[in-house]
Amino acid sequence: MSTAWDDEIERRIRVYEELEQNGGIAGRLGMVDYTALVAMVVVLAGGFWAWGGI
């Protein structure tokens, strides 16, 4: 006799197995994305620092 929780666990296992077979999660951030985010934060922080310092 299977409970709803057991069915959910089995479903999640299947989903993760499919993700492993397909090469990962679509839309995952890569190194370029993180580099661009860091650059944007630095530029914005520097801009606001310069704007407030004038």
PDB file of N, CA and C in Angstrom:
ATOM      1  N   MET A   1       0.847  -1.181   0.000  1.00  0.00           N
ATOM      2  CA  MET A   1       0.000   0.000   0.000  1.00  0.00           C
ATOM      3  C   MET A   1       0.888   1.237   0.000  1.00  0.00           C
ATOM      4  N   SER A   2       0.659   2.097  -0.934  1.00  0.00           N
ATOM      5  CA  SER A   2       1.483   3.282  -1.131  1.00  0.00           C
ATOM      6  C   SER A   2       0.745   4.526  -0.627  1.00  0.00           C
ATOM      7  N   THR A   3       1.483   5.364   0.049  1.00  0.00           N
ATOM      8  CA  THR A   3       0.882   6.605   0.526  1.00  0.00           C
ATOM      9  C   THR A   3       1.190   7.722  -0.465  1.00  0.00           C
ATOM     10  N   ALA A   4       0.534   8.837  -0.302  1.00  0.00           N
ATOM     11  CA  ALA A   4       0.757   9.983  -1.172  1.00  0.00           C
ATOM     12  C   ALA A   4       2.199  10.467  -1.060  1.00  0.00           C
ATOM     13  N   TRP A   5       2.771  10.397   0.135  1.00  0.00           N
ATOM     14  CA  TRP A   5       4.149  10.838   0.333  1.00  0.00           C
ATOM     15  C   TRP A   5       5.122   9.933  -0.427  1.00  0.00           C
ATOM     16  N   ASP A   6       4.885   8.622  -0.401  1.00  0.00           N
ATOM     17  CA  ASP A   6       5.724   7.689  -1.148  1.00  0.00           C
ATOM     18  C   ASP A   6       5.669   7.989  -2.648  1.00  0.00           C
ATOM     19  N   ASP A   7       4.475   8.279  -3.142  1.00  0.00           N
ATOM     20  CA  ASP A   7       4.317   8.620  -4.561  1.00  0.00           C
ATOM     21  C   ASP A   7       5.080   9.902  -4.895  1.00  0.00           C
ATOM     22  N   GLU A   8       5.037  10.870  -4.001  1.00  0.00           N
ATOM     23  CA  GLU A   8       5.737  12.136  -4.223  1.00  0.00           C
ATOM     24  C   GLU A   8       7.250  11.926  -4.244  1.00  0.00           C
ATOM     25  N   ILE A   9       7.748  11.114  -3.342  1.00  0.00           N
ATOM     26  CA  ILE A   9       9.186  10.808  -3.307  1.00  0.00           C
ATOM     27  C   ILE A   9       9.609  10.133  -4.611  1.00  0.00           C
ATOM     28  N   GLU A  10       8.841   9.182  -5.075  1.00  0.00           N
ATOM     29  CA  GLU A  10       9.151   8.500  -6.334  1.00  0.00           C
ATOM     30  C   GLU A  10       9.135   9.480  -7.506  1.00  0.00           C
ATOM     31  N   ARG A  11       8.173  10.387  -7.508  1.00  0.00           N
ATOM     32  CA  ARG A  11       8.083  11.388  -8.586  1.00  0.00           C
ATOM     33  C   ARG A  11       9.313  12.279  -8.579  1.00  0.00           C
ATOM     34  N   ARG A  12       9.723  12.721  -7.410  1.00  0.00           N
ATOM     35  CA  ARG A  12      10.899  13.586  -7.305  1.00  0.00           C
ATOM     36  C   ARG A  12      12.159  12.862  -7.745  1.00  0.00           C
ATOM     37  N   ILE A  13      12.286  11.605  -7.401  1.00  0.00           N
ATOM     38  CA  ILE A  13      13.446  10.816  -7.839  1.00  0.00           C
ATOM     39  C   ILE A  13      13.479  10.745  -9.361  1.00  0.00           C
ATOM     40  N   ARG A  14      12.334  10.492  -9.980  1.00  0.00           N
ATOM     41  CA  ARG A  14      12.278  10.437 -11.445  1.00  0.00           C
ATOM     42  C   ARG A  14      12.663  11.766 -12.069  1.00  0.00           C
ATOM     43  N   VAL A  15      12.191  12.866 -11.488  1.00  0.00           N
ATOM     44  CA  VAL A  15      12.516  14.193 -12.024  1.00  0.00           C
ATOM     45  C   VAL A  15      14.018  14.446 -11.957  1.00  0.00           C
ATOM     46  N   TYR A  16      14.647  14.147 -10.827  1.00  0.00           N
ATOM     47  CA  TYR A  16      16.090  14.366 -10.700  1.00  0.00           C
ATOM     48  C   TYR A  16      16.884  13.446 -11.611  1.00  0.00           C
ATOM     49  N   GLU A  17      16.426  12.215 -11.812  1.00  0.00           N
ATOM     50  CA  GLU A  17      17.101  11.314 -12.740  1.00  0.00           C
ATOM     51  C   GLU A  17      17.020  11.844 -14.165  1.00  0.00           C
ATOM     52  N   GLU A  18      15.862  12.396 -14.550  1.00  0.00           N
ATOM     53  CA  GLU A  18      15.714  12.984 -15.885  1.00  0.00           C
ATOM     54  C   GLU A  18      16.634  14.193 -16.045  1.00  0.00           C
ATOM     55  N   LEU A  19      16.741  15.018 -15.001  1.00  0.00           N
ATOM     56  CA  LEU A  19      17.633  16.171 -15.068  1.00  0.00           C
ATOM     57  C   LEU A  19      19.084  15.738 -15.257  1.00  0.00           C
ATOM     58  N   GLU A  20      19.497  14.705 -14.569  1.00  0.00           N
ATOM     59  CA  GLU A  20      20.863  14.205 -14.714  1.00  0.00           C
ATOM     60  C   GLU A  20      21.109  13.685 -16.124  1.00  0.00           C
ATOM     61  N   GLN A  21      20.129  13.009 -16.700  1.00  0.00           N
ATOM     62  CA  GLN A  21      20.277  12.467 -18.048  1.00  0.00           C
ATOM     63  C   GLN A  21      20.313  13.577 -19.096  1.00  0.00           C
ATOM     64  N   ASN A  22      19.557  14.650 -18.874  1.00  0.00           N
ATOM     65  CA  ASN A  22      19.455  15.723 -19.858  1.00  0.00           C
ATOM     66  C   ASN A  22      20.546  16.768 -19.714  1.00  0.00           C
ATOM     67  N   GLY A  23      21.438  16.630 -18.759  1.00  0.00           N
ATOM     68  CA  GLY A  23      22.554  17.562 -18.643  1.00  0.00           C
ATOM     69  C   GLY A  23      22.303  18.736 -17.722  1.00  0.00           C
ATOM     70  N   GLY A  24      21.364  18.684 -16.852  1.00  0.00           N
ATOM     71  CA  GLY A  24      21.196  19.746 -15.863  1.00  0.00           C
ATOM     72  C   GLY A  24      19.905  20.523 -16.020  1.00  0.00           C
ATOM     73  N   ILE A  25      19.840  21.573 -15.281  1.00  0.00           N
ATOM     74  CA  ILE A  25      18.637  22.395 -15.221  1.00  0.00           C
ATOM     75  C   ILE A  25      18.724  23.488 -16.280  1.00  0.00           C
ATOM     76  N   ALA A  26      17.708  23.606 -17.099  1.00  0.00           N
ATOM     77  CA  ALA A  26      17.667  24.646 -18.122  1.00  0.00           C
ATOM     78  C   ALA A  26      17.542  26.008 -17.455  1.00  0.00           C
ATOM     79  N   GLY A  27      18.281  26.982 -17.945  1.00  0.00           N
ATOM     80  CA  GLY A  27      18.213  28.316 -17.395  1.00  0.00           C
ATOM     81  C   GLY A  27      19.126  28.545 -16.211  1.00  0.00           C
ATOM     82  N   ARG A  28      19.970  27.604 -15.906  1.00  0.00           N
ATOM     83  CA  ARG A  28      20.902  27.738 -14.784  1.00  0.00           C
ATOM     84  C   ARG A  28      21.926  28.810 -15.105  1.00  0.00           C
ATOM     85  N   LEU A  29      22.276  29.621 -14.108  1.00  0.00           N
ATOM     86  CA  LEU A  29      23.252  30.679 -14.315  1.00  0.00           C
ATOM     87  C   LEU A  29      24.643  30.097 -14.486  1.00  0.00           C
ATOM     88  N   GLY A  30      25.384  30.672 -15.415  1.00  0.00           N
ATOM     89  CA  GLY A  30      26.754  30.238 -15.655  1.00  0.00           C
ATOM     90  C   GLY A  30      27.748  31.289 -15.190  1.00  0.00           C
ATOM     91  N   MET A  31      29.022  31.046 -15.463  1.00  0.00           N
ATOM     92  CA  MET A  31      30.084  31.952 -15.030  1.00  0.00           C
ATOM     93  C   MET A  31      29.930  33.337 -15.662  1.00  0.00           C
ATOM     94  N   VAL A  32      29.533  33.391 -16.920  1.00  0.00           N
ATOM     95  CA  VAL A  32      29.344  34.690 -17.590  1.00  0.00           C
ATOM     96  C   VAL A  32      28.237  35.486 -16.904  1.00  0.00           C
ATOM     97  N   ASP A  33      27.171  34.816 -16.525  1.00  0.00           N
ATOM     98  CA  ASP A  33      26.055  35.484 -15.849  1.00  0.00           C
ATOM     99  C   ASP A  33      26.495  36.068 -14.507  1.00  0.00           C
ATOM    100  N   TYR A  34      27.230  35.280 -13.734  1.00  0.00           N
ATOM    101  CA  TYR A  34      27.697  35.757 -12.434  1.00  0.00           C
ATOM    102  C   TYR A  34      28.693  36.898 -12.594  1.00  0.00           C
ATOM    103  N   THR A  35      29.563  36.808 -13.590  1.00  0.00           N
ATOM    104  CA  THR A  35      30.522  37.889 -13.847  1.00  0.00           C
ATOM    105  C   THR A  35      29.794  39.173 -14.218  1.00  0.00           C
ATOM    106  N   ALA A  36      28.777  39.075 -15.062  1.00  0.00           N
ATOM    107  CA  ALA A  36      28.001  40.249 -15.447  1.00  0.00           C
ATOM    108  C   ALA A  36      27.274  40.844 -14.240  1.00  0.00           C
ATOM    109  N   LEU A  37      26.734  40.003 -13.372  1.00  0.00           N
ATOM    110  CA  LEU A  37      26.055  40.507 -12.173  1.00  0.00           C
ATOM    111  C   LEU A  37      27.023  41.246 -11.253  1.00  0.00           C
ATOM    112  N   VAL A  38      28.209  40.686 -11.060  1.00  0.00           N
ATOM    113  CA  VAL A  38      29.206  41.341 -10.210  1.00  0.00           C
ATOM    114  C   VAL A  38      29.627  42.667 -10.823  1.00  0.00           C
ATOM    115  N   ALA A  39      29.851  42.683 -12.143  1.00  0.00           N
ATOM    116  CA  ALA A  39      30.233  43.923 -12.820  1.00  0.00           C
ATOM    117  C   ALA A  39      29.132  44.978 -12.679  1.00  0.00           C
ATOM    118  N   MET A  40      27.885  44.588 -12.824  1.00  0.00           N
ATOM    119  CA  MET A  40      26.777  45.528 -12.695  1.00  0.00           C
ATOM    120  C   MET A  40      26.717  46.104 -11.279  1.00  0.00           C
ATOM    121  N   VAL A  41      26.911  45.261 -10.269  1.00  0.00           N
ATOM    122  CA  VAL A  41      26.882  45.731  -8.887  1.00  0.00           C
ATOM    123  C   VAL A  41      28.015  46.722  -8.642  1.00  0.00           C
ATOM    124  N   VAL A  42      29.204  46.411  -9.147  1.00  0.00           N
ATOM    125  CA  VAL A  42      30.352  47.306  -8.960  1.00  0.00           C
ATOM    126  C   VAL A  42      30.103  48.643  -9.643  1.00  0.00           C
ATOM    127  N   VAL A  43      29.603  48.614 -10.860  1.00  0.00           N
ATOM    128  CA  VAL A  43      29.330  49.861 -11.590  1.00  0.00           C
ATOM    129  C   VAL A  43      28.247  50.672 -10.882  1.00  0.00           C
ATOM    130  N   LEU A  44      27.186  50.027 -10.453  1.00  0.00           N
ATOM    131  CA  LEU A  44      26.116  50.755  -9.757  1.00  0.00           C
ATOM    132  C   LEU A  44      26.599  51.323  -8.424  1.00  0.00           C
ATOM    133  N   ALA A  45      27.316  50.510  -7.660  1.00  0.00           N
ATOM    134  CA  ALA A  45      27.818  50.999  -6.372  1.00  0.00           C
ATOM    135  C   ALA A  45      28.793  52.140  -6.576  1.00  0.00           C
ATOM    136  N   GLY A  46      29.697  52.012  -7.543  1.00  0.00           N
ATOM    137  CA  GLY A  46      30.636  53.092  -7.845  1.00  0.00           C
ATOM    138  C   GLY A  46      29.927  54.351  -8.329  1.00  0.00           C
ATOM    139  N   GLY A  47      28.922  54.171  -9.152  1.00  0.00           N
ATOM    140  CA  GLY A  47      28.154  55.320  -9.650  1.00  0.00           C
ATOM    141  C   GLY A  47      27.432  56.059  -8.520  1.00  0.00           C
ATOM    142  N   PHE A  48      26.781  55.320  -7.654  1.00  0.00           N
ATOM    143  CA  PHE A  48      26.087  55.965  -6.545  1.00  0.00           C
ATOM    144  C   PHE A  48      27.075  56.579  -5.556  1.00  0.00           C
ATOM    145  N   TRP A  49      28.244  55.947  -5.364  1.00  0.00           N
ATOM    146  CA  TRP A  49      29.259  56.501  -4.498  1.00  0.00           C
ATOM    147  C   TRP A  49      29.767  57.829  -5.079  1.00  0.00           C
ATOM    148  N   ALA A  50      30.026  57.857  -6.389  1.00  0.00           N
ATOM    149  CA  ALA A  50      30.511  59.084  -7.036  1.00  0.00           C
ATOM    150  C   ALA A  50      29.418  60.154  -7.027  1.00  0.00           C
ATOM    151  N   TRP A  51      28.199  59.765  -7.258  1.00  0.00           N
ATOM    152  CA  TRP A  51      27.093  60.709  -7.285  1.00  0.00           C
ATOM    153  C   TRP A  51      26.912  61.339  -5.906  1.00  0.00           C
ATOM    154  N   GLY A  52      27.024  60.544  -4.874  1.00  0.00           N
ATOM    155  CA  GLY A  52      26.870  61.067  -3.513  1.00  0.00           C
ATOM    156  C   GLY A  52      28.084  61.837  -3.063  1.00  0.00           C
ATOM    157  N   GLY A  53      29.243  61.590  -3.673  1.00  0.00           N
ATOM    158  CA  GLY A  53      30.475  62.257  -3.270  1.00  0.00           C
ATOM    159  C   GLY A  53      30.678  63.605  -3.944  1.00  0.00           C
ATOM    160  N   ILE A  54      29.852  63.934  -4.933  1.00  0.00           N
ATOM    161  CA  ILE A  54      30.022  65.204  -5.650  1.00  0.00           C
ATOM    162  C   ILE A  54      29.423  66.340  -4.850  1.00  0.00           C
TER     163      ILE A  54
END
